[in-house]
Amino acid sequence: MTGPGLTTAQLAELAKYDSPTVCNAVELWNLYPRNRGYMNGSIKACFPRLAPMVGYALTSTFRSMSPPRSGDAYSGIGAQLDAFGTLPGPPVIAFQDLDEPCASATFGEVMCSTYKRFGAKGLITSGAGRDLAQVDALDFPAFTNGTIAAHGYCHILAVGVPVTIGGMPIYHGDLLHGDLNGITTIPHAIASEVAGVCEEIAVAEAIVLNYLKQASVTVAGFNDARKACGDQIKAIEKRLTK
């Protein structure tokens, strides 16, 4: 277990904000370079209409090019469900497909129905998905690098191991946030504060957005609004990093 997780209310607060705002907030702590901590453009939301997904990574590796040495396509799901209890909060299933290129779909309707019934908040895979109409009807967020109609020899190799998806390393228990813009991690050390900083950023950005809604605007007025916004964000960063 990674330690105490956020409360249900705290997770719900994070889910109010889109992933770009979460990224902007996390950057202000300067914990790591700003080109890290989020997935690249290879991973896309299957269902962009859905609200942001927030949960703790249940990591797994996957193959489907050749048959498993034992078991069948669903034999590894039980181990995943058993591992839900090792997480500090609701799971997000995070698969790394080890086949290159991926040979078939990582998930479909049965798997996603199972995960959702046991409390998972979504699924991410470096591979492909299928049964998208049926999974869409479940309102279960899913993120993939594409779609493939067949399941091949799909099987789960390991659960709870470090994985890499969309160029981003993920460890079992990492806090993940994702929506139609992409997936990011939220460091545990600051997780309880991120939603509040997201709100502060929104207030600062509203200075510019509200100015642009005025009946008459000027470049000078825009520059003033942009400076006021920047000053507020710099003040937040200074407070967080002092």
Protein backbone atom coordinates (compact mmCIF):
# COMPACT_ATOMS: atom_id res chain seq x y z
CA MET A 1 0.00 0.00 0.00
CA THR A 2 1.21 3.50 -0.79
CA GLY A 3 -0.07 5.01 2.44
CA PRO A 4 -3.24 6.93 3.33
CA GLY A 5 -5.12 8.15 0.30
CA LEU A 6 -7.34 11.13 -0.26
CA THR A 7 -10.87 11.13 1.05
CA THR A 8 -13.83 10.63 -1.26
CA ALA A 9 -14.54 14.34 -0.99
CA GLN A 10 -10.95 15.28 -1.89
CA LEU A 11 -11.00 13.01 -4.94
CA ALA A 12 -14.30 14.57 -6.00
CA GLU A 13 -12.74 18.03 -5.75
CA LEU A 14 -9.92 16.98 -8.06
CA ALA A 15 -12.47 15.62 -10.53
CA LYS A 16 -13.96 19.13 -10.88
CA TYR A 17 -10.89 20.29 -12.81
CA ASP A 18 -9.60 19.31 -16.23
CA SER A 19 -6.18 17.73 -16.61
CA PRO A 20 -4.48 20.86 -18.04
CA THR A 21 -5.46 22.80 -14.94
CA VAL A 22 -4.16 19.97 -12.75
CA CYS A 23 -0.88 19.99 -14.70
CA ASN A 24 -0.63 23.78 -14.27
CA ALA A 25 -1.17 23.42 -10.54
CA VAL A 26 1.37 20.61 -10.03
CA GLU A 27 4.00 22.58 -11.98
CA LEU A 28 3.94 25.34 -9.38
CA TRP A 29 5.59 23.12 -6.77
CA ASN A 30 8.61 22.61 -9.08
CA LEU A 31 8.98 19.00 -7.97
CA TYR A 32 10.29 17.81 -11.34
CA PRO A 33 10.86 19.19 -14.87
CA ARG A 34 7.74 20.47 -16.59
CA ASN A 35 8.08 18.00 -19.46
CA ARG A 36 7.47 15.05 -17.13
CA GLY A 37 4.52 13.66 -15.21
CA TYR A 38 2.03 13.34 -18.06
CA MET A 39 1.38 10.98 -20.98
CA ASN A 40 2.23 11.82 -24.56
CA GLY A 41 -0.26 12.15 -27.39
CA SER A 42 -0.27 8.44 -28.23
CA ILE A 43 -2.83 7.87 -25.46
CA LYS A 44 -6.29 9.26 -26.20
CA ALA A 45 -9.66 9.22 -24.47
CA CYS A 46 -12.10 6.76 -26.01
CA PHE A 47 -15.03 8.73 -24.61
CA PRO A 48 -14.15 12.45 -24.48
CA ARG A 49 -17.61 13.37 -23.16
CA LEU A 50 -16.94 11.80 -19.77
CA ALA A 51 -15.97 13.81 -16.69
CA PRO A 52 -12.38 13.65 -15.40
CA MET A 53 -11.23 10.31 -14.02
CA VAL A 54 -9.35 10.25 -10.70
CA GLY A 55 -7.98 7.17 -8.98
CA TYR A 56 -4.97 5.10 -7.94
CA ALA A 57 -3.02 3.04 -10.48
CA LEU A 58 -3.51 -0.72 -10.46
CA THR A 59 -0.60 -1.56 -12.77
CA SER A 60 -0.44 -4.66 -14.97
CA THR A 61 1.44 -5.97 -18.00
CA PHE A 62 -0.30 -7.59 -20.96
CA ARG A 63 0.43 -9.64 -24.08
CA SER A 64 -1.74 -11.14 -26.83
CA MET A 65 0.60 -12.13 -29.66
CA SER A 66 0.98 -15.73 -28.46
CA PRO A 67 -0.91 -18.02 -26.04
CA PRO A 68 -0.24 -17.79 -22.29
CA ARG A 69 1.77 -20.60 -20.74
CA SER A 70 -1.16 -21.33 -18.45
CA GLY A 71 -4.68 -20.04 -17.79
CA ASP A 72 -6.85 -18.14 -20.23
CA ALA A 73 -7.76 -14.63 -21.29
CA TYR A 74 -9.43 -13.77 -17.98
CA SER A 75 -7.30 -15.75 -15.54
CA GLY A 76 -5.34 -12.66 -14.44
CA ILE A 77 -8.35 -10.52 -13.60
CA GLY A 78 -8.82 -12.25 -10.24
CA ALA A 79 -5.31 -11.21 -9.21
CA GLN A 80 -6.09 -7.65 -10.22
CA LEU A 81 -9.30 -7.61 -8.17
CA ASP A 82 -7.43 -9.04 -5.17
CA ALA A 83 -4.91 -6.20 -5.52
CA PHE A 84 -7.61 -3.51 -5.32
CA GLY A 85 -7.34 -3.76 -1.55
CA THR A 86 -3.66 -2.76 -1.61
CA LEU A 87 -4.52 0.68 -2.98
CA PRO A 88 -5.32 3.73 -0.85
CA GLY A 89 -8.44 4.54 -2.88
CA PRO A 90 -10.45 3.65 -6.00
CA PRO A 91 -8.41 1.96 -8.74
CA VAL A 92 -7.59 3.04 -12.26
CA ILE A 93 -6.49 -0.01 -14.26
CA ALA A 94 -3.16 0.80 -15.98
CA PHE A 95 -2.00 -1.73 -18.60
CA GLN A 96 1.29 -1.77 -20.46
CA ASP A 97 0.94 -3.87 -23.62
CA LEU A 98 4.35 -5.51 -24.08
CA ASP A 99 3.77 -6.59 -27.69
CA GLU A 100 5.26 -4.28 -30.30
CA PRO A 101 3.20 -3.56 -32.26
CA CYS A 102 0.21 -4.50 -30.13
CA ALA A 103 -1.52 -7.57 -31.56
CA SER A 104 -5.08 -7.17 -30.28
CA ALA A 105 -7.35 -5.33 -27.87
CA THR A 106 -6.43 -5.16 -24.20
CA PHE A 107 -10.02 -4.76 -23.02
CA GLY A 108 -13.65 -5.13 -23.97
CA GLU A 109 -17.10 -5.05 -22.46
CA VAL A 110 -16.65 -7.97 -20.03
CA MET A 111 -13.41 -6.67 -18.52
CA CYS A 112 -14.65 -3.11 -18.12
CA SER A 113 -17.97 -4.27 -16.66
CA THR A 114 -16.02 -6.33 -14.13
CA TYR A 115 -13.67 -3.52 -13.18
CA LYS A 116 -16.47 -1.01 -12.77
CA ARG A 117 -18.57 -3.41 -10.67
CA PHE A 118 -15.66 -3.82 -8.25
CA GLY A 119 -15.12 -0.07 -7.93
CA ALA A 120 -12.57 0.93 -10.58
CA LYS A 121 -12.82 4.46 -11.95
CA GLY A 122 -11.36 3.84 -15.40
CA LEU A 123 -8.76 2.09 -17.52
CA ILE A 124 -5.63 3.13 -19.41
CA THR A 125 -3.68 0.96 -21.82
CA SER A 126 -0.70 1.50 -24.07
CA GLY A 127 -2.45 -0.99 -26.36
CA ALA A 128 -5.87 -1.04 -27.99
CA GLY A 129 -9.49 -1.44 -26.96
CA ARG A 130 -12.66 -2.92 -28.43
CA ASP A 131 -16.42 -3.13 -27.70
CA LEU A 132 -16.30 0.65 -27.54
CA ALA A 133 -20.05 1.15 -27.95
CA GLN A 134 -20.76 -1.21 -25.07
CA VAL A 135 -18.06 0.30 -22.83
CA ASP A 136 -19.31 3.80 -23.68
CA ALA A 137 -22.72 2.76 -22.36
CA LEU A 138 -21.08 1.85 -19.05
CA ASP A 139 -19.82 5.45 -18.57
CA PHE A 140 -16.44 3.91 -17.82
CA PRO A 141 -13.50 6.12 -18.87
CA ALA A 142 -11.01 4.33 -21.10
CA PHE A 143 -7.80 5.57 -22.71
CA THR A 144 -5.92 3.75 -25.48
CA ASN A 145 -3.61 4.19 -28.46
CA GLY A 146 -6.24 2.79 -30.83
CA THR A 147 -8.86 0.11 -31.48
CA ILE A 148 -8.60 -3.51 -32.67
CA ALA A 149 -11.60 -5.79 -33.20
CA ALA A 150 -10.12 -9.06 -31.85
CA HIS A 151 -8.70 -10.16 -28.50
CA GLY A 152 -6.01 -12.48 -29.84
CA TYR A 153 -4.34 -14.52 -27.08
CA CYS A 154 -4.88 -11.81 -24.49
CA HIS A 155 -3.48 -12.50 -21.04
CA ILE A 156 -2.20 -10.59 -18.02
CA LEU A 157 1.41 -11.32 -17.09
CA ALA A 158 2.03 -9.41 -13.86
CA VAL A 159 0.10 -7.18 -11.45
CA GLY A 160 1.48 -4.39 -9.29
CA VAL A 161 4.68 -3.92 -11.31
CA PRO A 162 6.09 -0.64 -12.68
CA VAL A 163 4.80 0.11 -16.18
CA THR A 164 5.29 2.77 -18.83
CA ILE A 165 2.28 4.11 -20.74
CA GLY A 166 2.42 6.98 -23.17
CA GLY A 167 6.03 7.62 -22.21
CA MET A 168 5.12 8.09 -18.54
CA PRO A 169 6.37 5.71 -15.82
CA ILE A 170 3.60 4.56 -13.50
CA TYR A 171 4.00 2.74 -10.21
CA HIS A 172 1.35 0.75 -8.41
CA GLY A 173 -0.63 3.21 -6.29
CA ASP A 174 0.24 6.40 -8.19
CA LEU A 175 -2.58 8.95 -8.19
CA LEU A 176 -3.81 9.51 -11.76
CA HIS A 177 -6.03 12.18 -13.27
CA GLY A 178 -7.31 12.00 -16.84
CA ASP A 179 -9.84 13.43 -19.27
CA LEU A 180 -10.15 14.22 -22.97
CA ASN A 181 -6.93 16.27 -22.76
CA GLY A 182 -4.79 13.40 -21.47
CA ILE A 183 -3.46 11.71 -18.34
CA THR A 184 -1.26 13.13 -15.60
CA THR A 185 0.06 12.01 -12.23
CA ILE A 186 -0.42 13.89 -8.98
CA PRO A 187 2.40 13.40 -6.45
CA HIS A 188 1.11 12.02 -3.15
CA ALA A 189 2.98 14.64 -1.12
CA ILE A 190 0.90 17.49 -2.56
CA ALA A 191 -2.28 15.66 -3.57
CA SER A 192 -4.45 17.12 -0.81
CA GLU A 193 -3.54 20.67 -1.88
CA VAL A 194 -3.83 20.43 -5.66
CA ALA A 195 -7.58 21.07 -5.97
CA GLY A 196 -7.27 24.26 -3.95
CA VAL A 197 -4.44 25.50 -6.16
CA CYS A 198 -6.50 24.62 -9.25
CA GLU A 199 -9.18 26.98 -7.97
CA GLU A 200 -6.61 29.73 -7.38
CA ILE A 201 -5.33 29.31 -10.94
CA ALA A 202 -8.87 29.51 -12.29
CA VAL A 203 -9.41 32.76 -10.42
CA ALA A 204 -6.16 34.19 -11.81
CA GLU A 205 -6.94 33.14 -15.39
CA ALA A 206 -10.41 34.66 -15.10
CA ILE A 207 -8.76 38.08 -14.99
CA VAL A 208 -7.73 37.65 -18.64
CA LEU A 209 -10.84 35.79 -19.74
CA ASN A 210 -13.18 38.36 -18.18
CA TYR A 211 -11.27 41.20 -19.79
CA LEU A 212 -11.62 39.57 -23.21
CA LYS A 213 -15.41 39.41 -22.72
CA GLN A 214 -15.68 43.18 -22.39
CA ALA A 215 -17.38 45.17 -25.16
CA SER A 216 -14.20 47.06 -25.92
CA VAL A 217 -10.64 45.78 -25.54
CA THR A 218 -7.17 47.15 -26.23
CA VAL A 219 -3.73 45.62 -26.42
CA ALA A 220 -2.70 47.71 -23.43
CA GLY A 221 -5.70 46.51 -21.45
CA PHE A 222 -4.96 42.91 -22.40
CA ASN A 223 -1.34 43.29 -21.32
CA ASP A 224 -2.45 44.69 -17.97
CA ALA A 225 -4.84 41.79 -17.43
CA ARG A 226 -2.20 39.26 -18.43
CA LYS A 227 0.30 40.82 -16.01
CA ALA A 228 -2.23 40.75 -13.16
CA CYS A 229 -2.91 37.07 -13.91
CA GLY A 230 0.80 36.28 -14.04
CA ASP A 231 1.47 38.13 -10.80
CA GLN A 232 -1.17 36.08 -9.00
CA ILE A 233 0.23 32.80 -10.31
CA LYS A 234 3.78 33.83 -9.37
CA ALA A 235 2.55 34.60 -5.86
CA ILE A 236 1.00 31.11 -5.62
CA GLU A 237 4.26 29.53 -6.81
CA LYS A 238 6.29 31.53 -4.32
CA ARG A 239 4.05 30.40 -1.46
CA LEU A 240 4.23 26.74 -2.49
CA THR A 241 8.00 26.63 -2.94
CA LYS A 242 9.17 28.75 -0.02
